[in-house]
Amino acid sequence: MNDLVEDANKWVNVMKKDKADVIVEGHNHEQIEQHDYKNKSGKKVIVTEPGNNGECISNINFKLEKDDNGWNVVDKSSKITQFEKSKKERIQGVDNYGKLMCELEFLDDKTKEISL
């Protein structure tokens, strides 16, 4: 497990450099589907919070395009999905995360968009 203070300092520094695309909030235990704000450089940053007690998940979507300099986020959105009470649905959410990680592992020059 990483040191929490070290991790916090790392990510605060990243956010100060206006490199964050999304912030997933959790402290207030409220449901915030998508709050948009502009950082100091004028770039849109999404804030989302999925509530509490594992009842919801924030689905964050990025549209990526590749140019000569690499991948760029050209659009982003977030919505909250309420979990069903069944264990089967919760396991499916974990499975979708695994699918995303596999898709990201195999990105290549021909990939234009990923959908799960």
Protein backbone atom coordinates (compact mmCIF):
# COMPACT_ATOMS: atom_id res chain seq x y z
CA MET A 1 0.00 0.00 0.00
CA ASN A 2 1.28 3.45 -0.88
CA ASP A 3 1.88 6.15 1.71
CA LEU A 4 -1.26 8.32 1.71
CA VAL A 5 0.60 11.58 2.32
CA GLU A 6 3.06 10.88 -0.51
CA ASP A 7 0.20 10.03 -2.88
CA ALA A 8 -1.75 13.14 -1.87
CA ASN A 9 1.30 15.37 -2.43
CA LYS A 10 1.94 13.78 -5.82
CA TRP A 11 -1.60 14.34 -7.08
CA VAL A 12 -1.92 17.85 -5.63
CA ASN A 13 1.18 18.78 -7.63
CA VAL A 14 -0.31 17.26 -10.79
CA MET A 15 -3.55 19.15 -10.29
CA LYS A 16 -1.69 22.43 -9.70
CA LYS A 17 -0.13 21.96 -13.13
CA ASP A 18 -3.62 21.82 -14.69
CA LYS A 19 -3.14 18.22 -15.87
CA ALA A 20 -6.26 16.71 -14.26
CA ASP A 21 -9.21 15.84 -16.52
CA VAL A 22 -11.52 14.55 -13.79
CA ILE A 23 -11.76 14.56 -10.02
CA VAL A 24 -13.70 11.79 -8.29
CA GLU A 25 -14.90 13.21 -4.98
CA GLY A 26 -15.90 11.04 -2.08
CA HIS A 27 -15.72 12.99 1.14
CA ASN A 28 -19.23 14.48 1.18
CA HIS A 29 -21.10 11.22 0.43
CA GLU A 30 -23.35 13.04 -2.05
CA GLN A 31 -24.30 12.16 -5.59
CA ILE A 32 -22.82 14.59 -8.10
CA GLU A 33 -23.28 13.31 -11.63
CA GLN A 34 -21.10 15.91 -13.32
CA HIS A 35 -19.98 19.35 -12.26
CA ASP A 36 -17.84 21.12 -14.85
CA TYR A 37 -15.39 23.84 -14.06
CA LYS A 38 -12.47 25.41 -15.85
CA ASN A 39 -9.00 25.21 -14.42
CA LYS A 40 -6.53 28.12 -14.50
CA SER A 41 -5.59 27.39 -18.11
CA GLY A 42 -9.26 27.30 -19.22
CA LYS A 43 -9.45 23.51 -19.63
CA LYS A 44 -12.70 21.74 -18.61
CA VAL A 45 -12.35 19.53 -15.54
CA ILE A 46 -15.16 17.21 -14.40
CA VAL A 47 -15.97 16.68 -10.73
CA THR A 48 -18.12 13.66 -9.92
CA GLU A 49 -19.12 11.91 -6.71
CA PRO A 50 -20.92 8.55 -6.66
CA GLY A 51 -22.64 8.93 -3.27
CA ASN A 52 -21.98 6.55 -0.41
CA ASN A 53 -22.10 2.92 0.72
CA GLY A 54 -21.29 1.60 -2.76
CA GLU A 55 -24.82 2.35 -4.00
CA CYS A 56 -23.63 4.07 -7.19
CA ILE A 57 -20.66 4.36 -9.48
CA SER A 58 -19.49 7.34 -11.50
CA ASN A 59 -19.16 6.28 -15.14
CA ILE A 60 -16.55 8.57 -16.64
CA ASN A 61 -16.21 8.62 -20.41
CA PHE A 62 -13.29 10.02 -22.36
CA LYS A 63 -13.19 10.45 -26.12
CA LEU A 64 -9.57 10.20 -27.24
CA GLU A 65 -7.94 11.15 -30.51
CA LYS A 66 -4.38 10.48 -31.50
CA ASP A 67 -2.17 12.91 -33.35
CA ASP A 68 1.58 13.13 -33.96
CA ASN A 69 2.15 14.13 -30.32
CA GLY A 70 0.17 11.23 -28.80
CA TRP A 71 -3.30 10.76 -27.33
CA ASN A 72 -5.51 13.73 -26.47
CA VAL A 73 -8.77 13.93 -24.56
CA VAL A 74 -11.18 15.71 -26.91
CA ASP A 75 -14.37 15.21 -24.92
CA LYS A 76 -15.36 13.87 -21.51
CA SER A 77 -18.53 13.24 -19.56
CA SER A 78 -19.73 11.55 -16.42
CA LYS A 79 -22.96 10.00 -15.23
CA ILE A 80 -23.97 8.16 -12.09
CA THR A 81 -25.26 4.62 -12.31
CA GLN A 82 -27.24 3.20 -9.41
CA PHE A 83 -26.22 -0.34 -8.50
CA GLU A 84 -28.86 -2.98 -8.20
CA LYS A 85 -28.93 -4.75 -4.87
CA SER A 86 -27.84 -8.04 -6.43
CA LYS A 87 -24.29 -9.28 -6.08
CA LYS A 88 -24.36 -10.27 -9.76
CA GLU A 89 -24.61 -6.62 -10.86
CA ARG A 90 -21.77 -5.59 -8.55
CA ILE A 91 -19.53 -8.32 -9.97
CA GLN A 92 -20.38 -7.13 -13.51
CA GLY A 93 -19.10 -3.66 -12.59
CA VAL A 94 -15.78 -5.18 -11.55
CA ASP A 95 -15.72 -7.19 -14.78
CA ASN A 96 -16.20 -3.98 -16.80
CA TYR A 97 -13.19 -2.47 -15.04
CA GLY A 98 -11.16 -5.52 -16.07
CA LYS A 99 -12.35 -5.13 -19.66
CA LEU A 100 -11.28 -1.47 -19.63
CA MET A 101 -7.82 -2.36 -18.34
CA CYS A 102 -7.45 -4.99 -21.08
CA GLU A 103 -8.56 -2.51 -23.76
CA LEU A 104 -6.09 0.11 -22.52
CA GLU A 105 -3.30 -2.48 -22.54
CA PHE A 106 -3.73 -3.09 -26.25
CA LEU A 107 -4.18 0.45 -27.60
CA ASP A 108 -2.43 0.89 -30.91
CA ASP A 109 -2.10 3.48 -33.68
CA LYS A 110 -5.33 2.31 -35.34
CA THR A 111 -7.51 2.68 -32.22
CA LYS A 112 -9.84 5.66 -32.46
CA GLU A 113 -12.37 4.97 -29.71
CA ILE A 114 -13.01 2.42 -26.96
CA SER A 115 -16.52 1.41 -25.92
CA LEU A 116 -17.44 -1.01 -23.17
